[in-house]
């Protein structure tokens, strides 16, 4: 990638632009942009985008509301100590 493309990826990524829009802007595939970010995360100090719930395993309220299952009850059953 050219230096200009790298600068655009970094700037757009830090503005939380979706990978698909970054790729479209540069004429690249979404996969190539994701791959570049993953490989260069430390070098350019690019933060991870995952929210805290995904990192810690905590489910958001929207997941609870959108699910057809009773998520709270499922969690209770999973955490239950079985004899």
PDB file of N, CA and C in Angstrom:
ATOM      1  N   UNK A   1       0.837  -1.186   0.000  1.00  0.00           N
ATOM      2  CA  UNK A   1       0.000   0.000   0.000  1.00  0.00           C
ATOM      3  C   UNK A   1       0.873   1.236   0.000  1.00  0.00           C
ATOM      4  N   UNK A   2       0.347   2.253  -0.614  1.00  0.00           N
ATOM      5  CA  UNK A   2       1.097   3.509  -0.649  1.00  0.00           C
ATOM      6  C   UNK A   2       0.965   4.235   0.689  1.00  0.00           C
ATOM      7  N   UNK A   3       1.856   5.154   0.923  1.00  0.00           N
ATOM      8  CA  UNK A   3       1.834   5.941   2.169  1.00  0.00           C
ATOM      9  C   UNK A   3       0.514   6.708   2.295  1.00  0.00           C
ATOM     10  N   UNK A   4       0.018   7.201   1.164  1.00  0.00           N
ATOM     11  CA  UNK A   4      -1.243   7.951   1.161  1.00  0.00           C
ATOM     12  C   UNK A   4      -2.411   7.048   1.581  1.00  0.00           C
ATOM     13  N   UNK A   5      -2.450   5.836   1.057  1.00  0.00           N
ATOM     14  CA  UNK A   5      -3.509   4.894   1.429  1.00  0.00           C
ATOM     15  C   UNK A   5      -3.436   4.562   2.917  1.00  0.00           C
ATOM     16  N   UNK A   6      -2.225   4.364   3.404  1.00  0.00           N
ATOM     17  CA  UNK A   6      -2.044   4.055   4.827  1.00  0.00           C
ATOM     18  C   UNK A   6      -2.556   5.193   5.692  1.00  0.00           C
ATOM     19  N   UNK A   7      -2.240   6.414   5.341  1.00  0.00           N
ATOM     20  CA  UNK A   7      -2.706   7.578   6.115  1.00  0.00           C
ATOM     21  C   UNK A   7      -4.223   7.684   6.097  1.00  0.00           C
ATOM     22  N   UNK A   8      -4.833   7.378   4.959  1.00  0.00           N
ATOM     23  CA  UNK A   8      -6.292   7.428   4.854  1.00  0.00           C
ATOM     24  C   UNK A   8      -6.913   6.340   5.724  1.00  0.00           C
ATOM     25  N   UNK A   9      -6.363   5.137   5.676  1.00  0.00           N
ATOM     26  CA  UNK A   9      -6.886   4.041   6.510  1.00  0.00           C
ATOM     27  C   UNK A   9      -6.811   4.423   7.977  1.00  0.00           C
ATOM     28  N   UNK A  10      -5.670   4.918   8.402  1.00  0.00           N
ATOM     29  CA  UNK A  10      -5.484   5.284   9.812  1.00  0.00           C
ATOM     30  C   UNK A  10      -6.487   6.359  10.228  1.00  0.00           C
ATOM     31  N   UNK A  11      -6.609   7.402   9.428  1.00  0.00           N
ATOM     32  CA  UNK A  11      -7.518   8.503   9.775  1.00  0.00           C
ATOM     33  C   UNK A  11      -8.972   8.031   9.825  1.00  0.00           C
ATOM     34  N   UNK A  12      -9.389   7.296   8.804  1.00  0.00           N
ATOM     35  CA  UNK A  12     -10.784   6.845   8.760  1.00  0.00           C
ATOM     36  C   UNK A  12     -11.069   5.824   9.852  1.00  0.00           C
ATOM     37  N   UNK A  13     -10.113   4.948  10.125  1.00  0.00           N
ATOM     38  CA  UNK A  13     -10.296   3.949  11.180  1.00  0.00           C
ATOM     39  C   UNK A  13     -10.463   4.633  12.536  1.00  0.00           C
ATOM     40  N   UNK A  14      -9.645   5.632  12.798  1.00  0.00           N
ATOM     41  CA  UNK A  14      -9.736   6.350  14.083  1.00  0.00           C
ATOM     42  C   UNK A  14     -11.034   7.139  14.209  1.00  0.00           C
ATOM     43  N   UNK A  15     -11.645   7.492  13.066  1.00  0.00           N
ATOM     44  CA  UNK A  15     -12.948   8.162  13.088  1.00  0.00           C
ATOM     45  C   UNK A  15     -14.093   7.149  13.157  1.00  0.00           C
ATOM     46  N   UNK A  16     -13.731   5.868  13.327  1.00  0.00           N
ATOM     47  CA  UNK A  16     -14.679   4.757  13.437  1.00  0.00           C
ATOM     48  C   UNK A  16     -15.502   4.560  12.173  1.00  0.00           C
ATOM     49  N   UNK A  17     -14.903   4.842  11.024  1.00  0.00           N
ATOM     50  CA  UNK A  17     -15.537   4.598   9.740  1.00  0.00           C
ATOM     51  C   UNK A  17     -15.570   3.092   9.504  1.00  0.00           C
ATOM     52  N   UNK A  18     -16.681   2.544   9.039  1.00  0.00           N
ATOM     53  CA  UNK A  18     -16.748   1.099   8.776  1.00  0.00           C
ATOM     54  C   UNK A  18     -15.702   0.670   7.745  1.00  0.00           C
ATOM     55  N   UNK A  19     -15.247  -0.563   7.892  1.00  0.00           N
ATOM     56  CA  UNK A  19     -14.254  -1.104   6.964  1.00  0.00           C
ATOM     57  C   UNK A  19     -14.735  -1.017   5.516  1.00  0.00           C
ATOM     58  N   UNK A  20     -16.019  -1.256   5.302  1.00  0.00           N
ATOM     59  CA  UNK A  20     -16.556  -1.247   3.934  1.00  0.00           C
ATOM     60  C   UNK A  20     -16.405   0.132   3.287  1.00  0.00           C
ATOM     61  N   UNK A  21     -16.610   1.193   4.057  1.00  0.00           N
ATOM     62  CA  UNK A  21     -16.467   2.541   3.508  1.00  0.00           C
ATOM     63  C   UNK A  21     -15.001   2.895   3.268  1.00  0.00           C
ATOM     64  N   UNK A  22     -14.125   2.445   4.154  1.00  0.00           N
ATOM     65  CA  UNK A  22     -12.698   2.689   3.953  1.00  0.00           C
ATOM     66  C   UNK A  22     -12.253   1.996   2.666  1.00  0.00           C
ATOM     67  N   UNK A  23     -12.676   0.747   2.503  1.00  0.00           N
ATOM     68  CA  UNK A  23     -12.308  -0.024   1.318  1.00  0.00           C
ATOM     69  C   UNK A  23     -12.835   0.628   0.044  1.00  0.00           C
ATOM     70  N   UNK A  24     -14.074   1.081   0.079  1.00  0.00           N
ATOM     71  CA  UNK A  24     -14.664   1.724  -1.101  1.00  0.00           C
ATOM     72  C   UNK A  24     -13.918   3.007  -1.454  1.00  0.00           C
ATOM     73  N   UNK A  25     -13.546   3.759  -0.445  1.00  0.00           N
ATOM     74  CA  UNK A  25     -12.810   5.018  -0.657  1.00  0.00           C
ATOM     75  C   UNK A  25     -11.475   4.776  -1.355  1.00  0.00           C
ATOM     76  N   UNK A  26     -10.821   3.664  -1.008  1.00  0.00           N
ATOM     77  CA  UNK A  26      -9.489   3.383  -1.537  1.00  0.00           C
ATOM     78  C   UNK A  26      -9.489   2.429  -2.726  1.00  0.00           C
ATOM     79  N   UNK A  27     -10.649   1.869  -3.050  1.00  0.00           N
ATOM     80  CA  UNK A  27     -10.711   0.912  -4.148  1.00  0.00           C
ATOM     81  C   UNK A  27     -10.090  -0.424  -3.790  1.00  0.00           C
ATOM     82  N   UNK A  28     -10.168  -0.782  -2.506  1.00  0.00           N
ATOM     83  CA  UNK A  28      -9.632  -2.052  -2.013  1.00  0.00           C
ATOM     84  C   UNK A  28     -10.776  -2.939  -1.547  1.00  0.00           C
ATOM     85  N   UNK A  29     -10.455  -4.175  -1.229  1.00  0.00           N
ATOM     86  CA  UNK A  29     -11.482  -5.046  -0.655  1.00  0.00           C
ATOM     87  C   UNK A  29     -11.564  -4.796   0.850  1.00  0.00           C
ATOM     88  N   UNK A  30     -12.702  -5.073   1.400  1.00  0.00           N
ATOM     89  CA  UNK A  30     -12.889  -4.919   2.844  1.00  0.00           C
ATOM     90  C   UNK A  30     -11.920  -5.837   3.595  1.00  0.00           C
ATOM     91  N   UNK A  31     -11.732  -7.049   3.064  1.00  0.00           N
ATOM     92  CA  UNK A  31     -10.819  -8.000   3.691  1.00  0.00           C
ATOM     93  C   UNK A  31      -9.394  -7.447   3.763  1.00  0.00           C
ATOM     94  N   UNK A  32      -8.931  -6.823   2.699  1.00  0.00           N
ATOM     95  CA  UNK A  32      -7.558  -6.304   2.700  1.00  0.00           C
ATOM     96  C   UNK A  32      -7.391  -5.177   3.716  1.00  0.00           C
ATOM     97  N   UNK A  33      -8.410  -4.369   3.893  1.00  0.00           N
ATOM     98  CA  UNK A  33      -8.340  -3.287   4.890  1.00  0.00           C
ATOM     99  C   UNK A  33      -8.310  -3.879   6.301  1.00  0.00           C
ATOM    100  N   UNK A  34      -9.191  -4.838   6.584  1.00  0.00           N
ATOM    101  CA  UNK A  34      -9.208  -5.478   7.905  1.00  0.00           C
ATOM    102  C   UNK A  34      -7.869  -6.146   8.196  1.00  0.00           C
ATOM    103  N   UNK A  35      -7.368  -6.857   7.212  1.00  0.00           N
ATOM    104  CA  UNK A  35      -6.105  -7.564   7.383  1.00  0.00           C
ATOM    105  C   UNK A  35      -4.970  -6.578   7.667  1.00  0.00           C
ATOM    106  N   UNK A  36      -4.930  -5.481   6.933  1.00  0.00           N
ATOM    107  CA  UNK A  36      -3.890  -4.481   7.145  1.00  0.00           C
ATOM    108  C   UNK A  36      -3.976  -3.915   8.557  1.00  0.00           C
ATOM    109  N   UNK A  37      -5.204  -3.597   8.999  1.00  0.00           N
ATOM    110  CA  UNK A  37      -5.385  -3.030  10.342  1.00  0.00           C
ATOM    111  C   UNK A  37      -4.913  -4.021  11.400  1.00  0.00           C
ATOM    112  N   UNK A  38      -5.297  -5.287  11.261  1.00  0.00           N
ATOM    113  CA  UNK A  38      -4.887  -6.286  12.246  1.00  0.00           C
ATOM    114  C   UNK A  38      -3.365  -6.430  12.312  1.00  0.00           C
ATOM    115  N   UNK A  39      -2.726  -6.431  11.161  1.00  0.00           N
ATOM    116  CA  UNK A  39      -1.276  -6.611  11.124  1.00  0.00           C
ATOM    117  C   UNK A  39      -0.522  -5.391  11.631  1.00  0.00           C
ATOM    118  N   UNK A  40      -1.118  -4.217  11.538  1.00  0.00           N
ATOM    119  CA  UNK A  40      -0.421  -2.973  11.882  1.00  0.00           C
ATOM    120  C   UNK A  40      -0.997  -2.254  13.089  1.00  0.00           C
ATOM    121  N   UNK A  41      -1.843  -2.930  13.842  1.00  0.00           N
ATOM    122  CA  UNK A  41      -2.508  -2.312  15.001  1.00  0.00           C
ATOM    123  C   UNK A  41      -1.501  -1.722  15.990  1.00  0.00           C
ATOM    124  N   UNK A  42      -0.484  -2.485  16.352  1.00  0.00           N
ATOM    125  CA  UNK A  42       0.497  -2.006  17.337  1.00  0.00           C
ATOM    126  C   UNK A  42       1.374  -0.898  16.776  1.00  0.00           C
ATOM    127  N   UNK A  43       1.831  -1.079  15.551  1.00  0.00           N
ATOM    128  CA  UNK A  43       2.735  -0.112  14.935  1.00  0.00           C
ATOM    129  C   UNK A  43       2.132   1.293  14.872  1.00  0.00           C
ATOM    130  N   UNK A  44       0.837   1.375  14.522  1.00  0.00           N
ATOM    131  CA  UNK A  44       0.169   2.679  14.379  1.00  0.00           C
ATOM    132  C   UNK A  44      -0.755   3.004  15.551  1.00  0.00           C
ATOM    133  N   UNK A  45      -0.695   2.183  16.597  1.00  0.00           N
ATOM    134  CA  UNK A  45      -1.495   2.386  17.815  1.00  0.00           C
ATOM    135  C   UNK A  45      -2.977   2.546  17.494  1.00  0.00           C
ATOM    136  N   UNK A  46      -3.505   1.591  16.761  1.00  0.00           N
ATOM    137  CA  UNK A  46      -4.920   1.601  16.398  1.00  0.00           C
ATOM    138  C   UNK A  46      -5.709   0.833  17.447  1.00  0.00           C
ATOM    139  N   UNK A  47      -6.679   1.468  18.064  1.00  0.00           N
ATOM    140  CA  UNK A  47      -7.438   0.802  19.122  1.00  0.00           C
ATOM    141  C   UNK A  47      -8.375  -0.262  18.551  1.00  0.00           C
ATOM    142  N   UNK A  48      -8.689  -1.239  19.366  1.00  0.00           N
ATOM    143  CA  UNK A  48      -9.669  -2.249  18.964  1.00  0.00           C
ATOM    144  C   UNK A  48     -11.050  -1.611  18.970  1.00  0.00           C
ATOM    145  N   UNK A  49     -11.909  -2.115  18.113  1.00  0.00           N
ATOM    146  CA  UNK A  49     -13.248  -1.540  18.008  1.00  0.00           C
ATOM    147  C   UNK A  49     -14.297  -2.302  18.807  1.00  0.00           C
ATOM    148  N   UNK A  50     -13.977  -3.471  19.267  1.00  0.00           N
ATOM    149  CA  UNK A  50     -14.970  -4.263  19.989  1.00  0.00           C
ATOM    150  C   UNK A  50     -15.417  -3.530  21.234  1.00  0.00           C
ATOM    151  N   UNK A  51     -16.701  -3.636  21.508  1.00  0.00           N
ATOM    152  CA  UNK A  51     -17.193  -2.951  22.708  1.00  0.00           C
ATOM    153  C   UNK A  51     -16.882  -3.772  23.950  1.00  0.00           C
ATOM    154  N   UNK A  52     -17.040  -3.184  25.082  1.00  0.00           N
ATOM    155  CA  UNK A  52     -16.691  -3.817  26.342  1.00  0.00           C
ATOM    156  C   UNK A  52     -17.477  -5.097  26.568  1.00  0.00           C
ATOM    157  N   UNK A  53     -18.737  -5.124  26.134  1.00  0.00           N
ATOM    158  CA  UNK A  53     -19.552  -6.318  26.311  1.00  0.00           C
ATOM    159  C   UNK A  53     -18.988  -7.516  25.594  1.00  0.00           C
ATOM    160  N   UNK A  54     -18.460  -7.322  24.408  1.00  0.00           N
ATOM    161  CA  UNK A  54     -17.868  -8.422  23.664  1.00  0.00           C
ATOM    162  C   UNK A  54     -16.587  -8.900  24.332  1.00  0.00           C
ATOM    163  N   UNK A  55     -15.816  -7.988  24.899  1.00  0.00           N
ATOM    164  CA  UNK A  55     -14.561  -8.360  25.542  1.00  0.00           C
ATOM    165  C   UNK A  55     -14.794  -9.113  26.842  1.00  0.00           C
ATOM    166  N   UNK A  56     -15.780  -8.667  27.608  1.00  0.00           N
ATOM    167  CA  UNK A  56     -15.987  -9.229  28.939  1.00  0.00           C
ATOM    168  C   UNK A  56     -17.042 -10.316  28.979  1.00  0.00           C
ATOM    169  N   UNK A  57     -17.765 -10.491  27.893  1.00  0.00           N
ATOM    170  CA  UNK A  57     -18.814 -11.500  27.880  1.00  0.00           C
ATOM    171  C   UNK A  57     -20.133 -10.999  28.441  1.00  0.00           C
ATOM    172  N   UNK A  58     -20.216  -9.730  28.768  1.00  0.00           N
ATOM    173  CA  UNK A  58     -21.436  -9.151  29.299  1.00  0.00           C
ATOM    174  C   UNK A  58     -22.377  -8.833  28.134  1.00  0.00           C
ATOM    175  N   UNK A  59     -23.606  -9.275  28.241  1.00  0.00           N
ATOM    176  CA  UNK A  59     -24.570  -9.030  27.176  1.00  0.00           C
ATOM    177  C   UNK A  59     -25.239  -7.675  27.365  1.00  0.00           C
ATOM    178  N   UNK A  60     -25.429  -6.976  26.285  1.00  0.00           N
ATOM    179  CA  UNK A  60     -26.086  -5.681  26.367  1.00  0.00           C
ATOM    180  C   UNK A  60     -27.594  -5.879  26.494  1.00  0.00           C
ATOM    181  N   UNK A  61     -28.249  -4.849  26.922  1.00  0.00           N
ATOM    182  CA  UNK A  61     -29.705  -4.901  27.084  1.00  0.00           C
ATOM    183  C   UNK A  61     -30.394  -5.119  25.744  1.00  0.00           C
ATOM    184  N   UNK A  62     -29.829  -4.581  24.671  1.00  0.00           N
ATOM    185  CA  UNK A  62     -30.452  -4.752  23.351  1.00  0.00           C
ATOM    186  C   UNK A  62     -30.449  -6.213  22.924  1.00  0.00           C
ATOM    187  N   UNK A  63     -29.399  -6.951  23.282  1.00  0.00           N
ATOM    188  CA  UNK A  63     -29.362  -8.377  22.966  1.00  0.00           C
ATOM    189  C   UNK A  63     -30.481  -9.086  23.703  1.00  0.00           C
ATOM    190  N   UNK A  64     -30.676  -8.717  24.937  1.00  0.00           N
ATOM    191  CA  UNK A  64     -31.736  -9.334  25.745  1.00  0.00           C
ATOM    192  C   UNK A  64     -33.111  -9.071  25.128  1.00  0.00           C
ATOM    193  N   UNK A  65     -33.330  -7.863  24.657  1.00  0.00           N
ATOM    194  CA  UNK A  65     -34.630  -7.500  24.111  1.00  0.00           C
ATOM    195  C   UNK A  65     -34.872  -8.082  22.723  1.00  0.00           C
ATOM    196  N   UNK A  66     -33.823  -8.176  21.914  1.00  0.00           N
ATOM    197  CA  UNK A  66     -33.963  -8.649  20.540  1.00  0.00           C
ATOM    198  C   UNK A  66     -34.074 -10.161  20.412  1.00  0.00           C
ATOM    199  N   UNK A  67     -33.626 -10.878  21.413  1.00  0.00           N
ATOM    200  CA  UNK A  67     -33.594 -12.328  21.330  1.00  0.00           C
ATOM    201  C   UNK A  67     -34.995 -12.930  21.476  1.00  0.00           C
ATOM    202  N   UNK A  68     -35.245 -14.000  20.734  1.00  0.00           N
ATOM    203  CA  UNK A  68     -36.510 -14.720  20.856  1.00  0.00           C
ATOM    204  C   UNK A  68     -36.487 -15.614  22.086  1.00  0.00           C
ATOM    205  N   UNK A  69     -35.325 -15.903  22.597  1.00  0.00           N
ATOM    206  CA  UNK A  69     -35.174 -16.731  23.777  1.00  0.00           C
ATOM    207  C   UNK A  69     -35.153 -15.866  25.027  1.00  0.00           C
ATOM    208  N   UNK A  70     -35.400 -16.501  26.157  1.00  0.00           N
ATOM    209  CA  UNK A  70     -35.274 -15.818  27.438  1.00  0.00           C
ATOM    210  C   UNK A  70     -33.798 -15.907  27.839  1.00  0.00           C
ATOM    211  N   UNK A  71     -33.030 -14.919  27.437  1.00  0.00           N
ATOM    212  CA  UNK A  71     -31.579 -14.944  27.629  1.00  0.00           C
ATOM    213  C   UNK A  71     -31.226 -14.945  29.108  1.00  0.00           C
ATOM    214  N   UNK A  72     -31.920 -14.164  29.887  1.00  0.00           N
ATOM    215  CA  UNK A  72     -31.618 -14.109  31.320  1.00  0.00           C
ATOM    216  C   UNK A  72     -31.781 -15.484  31.971  1.00  0.00           C
ATOM    217  N   UNK A  73     -32.861 -16.154  31.651  1.00  0.00           N
ATOM    218  CA  UNK A  73     -33.086 -17.484  32.224  1.00  0.00           C
ATOM    219  C   UNK A  73     -32.016 -18.458  31.738  1.00  0.00           C
ATOM    220  N   UNK A  74     -31.617 -18.355  30.485  1.00  0.00           N
ATOM    221  CA  UNK A  74     -30.560 -19.217  29.958  1.00  0.00           C
ATOM    222  C   UNK A  74     -29.255 -19.019  30.698  1.00  0.00           C
ATOM    223  N   UNK A  75     -28.931 -17.773  30.988  1.00  0.00           N
ATOM    224  CA  UNK A  75     -27.705 -17.470  31.731  1.00  0.00           C
ATOM    225  C   UNK A  75     -27.789 -18.036  33.141  1.00  0.00           C
ATOM    226  N   UNK A  76     -28.960 -17.912  33.762  1.00  0.00           N
ATOM    227  CA  UNK A  76     -29.145 -18.475  35.099  1.00  0.00           C
ATOM    228  C   UNK A  76     -28.906 -19.983  35.082  1.00  0.00           C
ATOM    229  N   UNK A  77     -29.437 -20.664  34.095  1.00  0.00           N
ATOM    230  CA  UNK A  77     -29.279 -22.120  33.999  1.00  0.00           C
ATOM    231  C   UNK A  77     -27.827 -22.499  33.746  1.00  0.00           C
ATOM    232  N   UNK A  78     -27.141 -21.732  32.954  1.00  0.00           N
ATOM    233  CA  UNK A  78     -25.731 -22.045  32.668  1.00  0.00           C
ATOM    234  C   UNK A  78     -24.872 -21.854  33.921  1.00  0.00           C
ATOM    235  N   UNK A  79     -25.171 -20.821  34.695  1.00  0.00           N
ATOM    236  CA  UNK A  79     -24.375 -20.534  35.891  1.00  0.00           C
ATOM    237  C   UNK A  79     -24.764 -21.409  37.074  1.00  0.00           C
ATOM    238  N   UNK A  80     -25.865 -22.085  36.962  1.00  0.00           N
ATOM    239  CA  UNK A  80     -26.372 -22.897  38.083  1.00  0.00           C
ATOM    240  C   UNK A  80     -25.408 -24.033  38.408  1.00  0.00           C
ATOM    241  N   UNK A  81     -25.228 -24.281  39.688  1.00  0.00           N
ATOM    242  CA  UNK A  81     -24.381 -25.403  40.116  1.00  0.00           C
ATOM    243  C   UNK A  81     -25.233 -26.664  40.104  1.00  0.00           C
ATOM    244  N   UNK A  82     -24.796 -27.609  39.332  1.00  0.00           N
ATOM    245  CA  UNK A  82     -25.534 -28.865  39.197  1.00  0.00           C
ATOM    246  C   UNK A  82     -24.920 -29.919  40.102  1.00  0.00           C
ATOM    247  N   UNK A  83     -25.774 -30.761  40.646  1.00  0.00           N
ATOM    248  CA  UNK A  83     -25.303 -31.825  41.563  1.00  0.00           C
ATOM    249  C   UNK A  83     -24.717 -32.976  40.816  1.00  0.00           C
TER     250      UNK A  83
END
